[in-house]
Amino acid sequence: MKTRSAKNKGMRLQKWVCEKISEALNIPFNNQDEQSEIHSRECGLSGVDIILRGDAFKNFPYDIEAKNTESVSLYKWIEQAKSNTKANREWLV
């Protein structure tokens, strides 16, 4: 798989996760608005994959590492999720 295709696959998963959180919390998701309460992080940037702000951050206490791949590196992903987790939050892969 080409790098661009792999990144698109990952972005689709991140968008899907954002949509599901939006539905569960009844908070609008708009990935075009950088300041929306639920936002998918751009590929290649460090930090959590799903950015939560305001009520979304308060009501969904997880920092998410999204992986959409056919190979599994669970221990590596867990370490990455833990390293990106903020204080008083739980990590989620």
C-alpha atoms as a PDB file:
ATOM      1  CA  MET A   1       0.000   0.000   0.000  1.00  0.00           C
ATOM      2  CA  LYS A   2       1.295   3.446  -0.881  1.00  0.00           C
ATOM      3  CA  THR A   3       1.987   5.903   1.933  1.00  0.00           C
ATOM      4  CA  ARG A   4      -0.782   8.282   0.825  1.00  0.00           C
ATOM      5  CA  SER A   5      -3.320   5.423   0.705  1.00  0.00           C
ATOM      6  CA  ALA A   6      -2.304   4.300   4.187  1.00  0.00           C
ATOM      7  CA  LYS A   7      -2.689   7.841   5.558  1.00  0.00           C
ATOM      8  CA  ASN A   8      -6.120   8.171   3.925  1.00  0.00           C
ATOM      9  CA  LYS A   9      -7.142   4.863   5.510  1.00  0.00           C
ATOM     10  CA  GLY A  10      -6.052   6.166   8.923  1.00  0.00           C
ATOM     11  CA  MET A  11      -7.854   9.463   8.437  1.00  0.00           C
ATOM     12  CA  ARG A  12     -11.087   7.622   7.553  1.00  0.00           C
ATOM     13  CA  LEU A  13     -10.878   5.723  10.859  1.00  0.00           C
ATOM     14  CA  GLN A  14     -10.200   8.917  12.814  1.00  0.00           C
ATOM     15  CA  LYS A  15     -13.185  10.620  11.155  1.00  0.00           C
ATOM     16  CA  TRP A  16     -15.398   7.602  11.918  1.00  0.00           C
ATOM     17  CA  VAL A  17     -14.300   7.694  15.605  1.00  0.00           C
ATOM     18  CA  CYS A  18     -15.066  11.434  15.735  1.00  0.00           C
ATOM     19  CA  GLU A  19     -18.523  10.814  14.271  1.00  0.00           C
ATOM     20  CA  LYS A  20     -19.278   8.076  16.828  1.00  0.00           C
ATOM     21  CA  ILE A  21     -18.159  10.273  19.740  1.00  0.00           C
ATOM     22  CA  SER A  22     -20.276  13.095  18.299  1.00  0.00           C
ATOM     23  CA  GLU A  23     -23.338  10.834  18.150  1.00  0.00           C
ATOM     24  CA  ALA A  24     -22.772   9.470  21.676  1.00  0.00           C
ATOM     25  CA  LEU A  25     -22.311  12.918  23.252  1.00  0.00           C
ATOM     26  CA  ASN A  26     -24.750  14.784  20.995  1.00  0.00           C
ATOM     27  CA  ILE A  27     -22.014  17.321  20.198  1.00  0.00           C
ATOM     28  CA  PRO A  28     -21.567  18.411  16.567  1.00  0.00           C
ATOM     29  CA  PHE A  29     -18.465  17.209  14.714  1.00  0.00           C
ATOM     30  CA  ASN A  30     -16.997  19.420  12.014  1.00  0.00           C
ATOM     31  CA  ASN A  31     -13.505  18.432  10.925  1.00  0.00           C
ATOM     32  CA  GLN A  32     -13.253  21.588   8.798  1.00  0.00           C
ATOM     33  CA  ASP A  33     -13.433  23.739  11.949  1.00  0.00           C
ATOM     34  CA  GLU A  34     -10.085  23.589  13.775  1.00  0.00           C
ATOM     35  CA  GLN A  35     -11.763  24.841  16.964  1.00  0.00           C
ATOM     36  CA  SER A  36     -14.678  22.367  17.066  1.00  0.00           C
ATOM     37  CA  GLU A  37     -15.041  20.342  20.266  1.00  0.00           C
ATOM     38  CA  ILE A  38     -14.350  17.085  18.395  1.00  0.00           C
ATOM     39  CA  HIS A  39     -11.580  17.119  15.793  1.00  0.00           C
ATOM     40  CA  SER A  40      -9.350  14.625  13.991  1.00  0.00           C
ATOM     41  CA  ARG A  41      -5.626  15.427  14.198  1.00  0.00           C
ATOM     42  CA  GLU A  42      -3.730  15.734  10.917  1.00  0.00           C
ATOM     43  CA  CYS A  43      -1.454  12.828   9.962  1.00  0.00           C
ATOM     44  CA  GLY A  44       2.145  13.106  11.041  1.00  0.00           C
ATOM     45  CA  LEU A  45       1.532  15.431  13.988  1.00  0.00           C
ATOM     46  CA  SER A  46       2.367  14.276  17.489  1.00  0.00           C
ATOM     47  CA  GLY A  47      -0.255  13.874  20.189  1.00  0.00           C
ATOM     48  CA  VAL A  48      -3.609  12.165  20.442  1.00  0.00           C
ATOM     49  CA  ASP A  49      -5.395  11.289  17.199  1.00  0.00           C
ATOM     50  CA  ILE A  50      -8.781  12.609  18.318  1.00  0.00           C
ATOM     51  CA  ILE A  51      -8.761  16.107  19.791  1.00  0.00           C
ATOM     52  CA  LEU A  52     -11.521  16.789  22.328  1.00  0.00           C
ATOM     53  CA  ARG A  53     -12.324  20.211  23.769  1.00  0.00           C
ATOM     54  CA  GLY A  54     -14.957  21.699  26.071  1.00  0.00           C
ATOM     55  CA  ASP A  55     -17.885  19.414  26.909  1.00  0.00           C
ATOM     56  CA  ALA A  56     -16.505  16.634  24.705  1.00  0.00           C
ATOM     57  CA  PHE A  57     -13.281  16.657  26.756  1.00  0.00           C
ATOM     58  CA  LYS A  58     -15.207  16.703  30.052  1.00  0.00           C
ATOM     59  CA  ASN A  59     -17.703  13.987  29.115  1.00  0.00           C
ATOM     60  CA  PHE A  60     -15.425  11.557  27.266  1.00  0.00           C
ATOM     61  CA  PRO A  61     -12.409  10.921  29.542  1.00  0.00           C
ATOM     62  CA  TYR A  62     -10.266   9.102  26.971  1.00  0.00           C
ATOM     63  CA  ASP A  63      -7.285  10.104  24.852  1.00  0.00           C
ATOM     64  CA  ILE A  64      -7.485   8.047  21.667  1.00  0.00           C
ATOM     65  CA  GLU A  65      -4.799   6.445  19.513  1.00  0.00           C
ATOM     66  CA  ALA A  66      -6.487   5.275  16.292  1.00  0.00           C
ATOM     67  CA  LYS A  67      -4.878   2.497  14.231  1.00  0.00           C
ATOM     68  CA  ASN A  68      -6.273   1.232  10.936  1.00  0.00           C
ATOM     69  CA  THR A  69      -3.732  -1.355   9.841  1.00  0.00           C
ATOM     70  CA  GLU A  70      -3.500  -5.018   8.985  1.00  0.00           C
ATOM     71  CA  SER A  71      -0.398  -5.638  11.086  1.00  0.00           C
ATOM     72  CA  VAL A  72      -0.673  -5.584  14.870  1.00  0.00           C
ATOM     73  CA  SER A  73       1.865  -3.956  17.180  1.00  0.00           C
ATOM     74  CA  LEU A  74      -0.335  -3.758  20.254  1.00  0.00           C
ATOM     75  CA  TYR A  75       2.424  -3.156  22.824  1.00  0.00           C
ATOM     76  CA  LYS A  76       3.911  -0.370  20.701  1.00  0.00           C
ATOM     77  CA  TRP A  77       0.479   1.215  20.238  1.00  0.00           C
ATOM     78  CA  ILE A  78      -0.264   1.037  23.960  1.00  0.00           C
ATOM     79  CA  GLU A  79       3.032   2.740  24.766  1.00  0.00           C
ATOM     80  CA  GLN A  80       2.271   5.443  22.185  1.00  0.00           C
ATOM     81  CA  ALA A  81      -1.221   5.950  23.626  1.00  0.00           C
ATOM     82  CA  LYS A  82       0.119   6.148  27.186  1.00  0.00           C
ATOM     83  CA  SER A  83       2.809   8.660  26.213  1.00  0.00           C
ATOM     84  CA  ASN A  84       0.182  10.929  24.594  1.00  0.00           C
ATOM     85  CA  THR A  85      -2.322  10.718  27.467  1.00  0.00           C
ATOM     86  CA  LYS A  86      -2.871  13.853  29.525  1.00  0.00           C
ATOM     87  CA  ALA A  87      -3.117  13.911  33.327  1.00  0.00           C
ATOM     88  CA  ASN A  88      -6.396  12.569  34.783  1.00  0.00           C
ATOM     89  CA  ARG A  89      -7.341  10.927  31.474  1.00  0.00           C
ATOM     90  CA  GLU A  90      -7.437   7.307  30.297  1.00  0.00           C
ATOM     91  CA  TRP A  91      -5.786   6.044  27.118  1.00  0.00           C
ATOM     92  CA  LEU A  92      -7.678   4.140  24.458  1.00  0.00           C
ATOM     93  CA  VAL A  93      -6.377   2.306  21.356  1.00  0.00           C
END
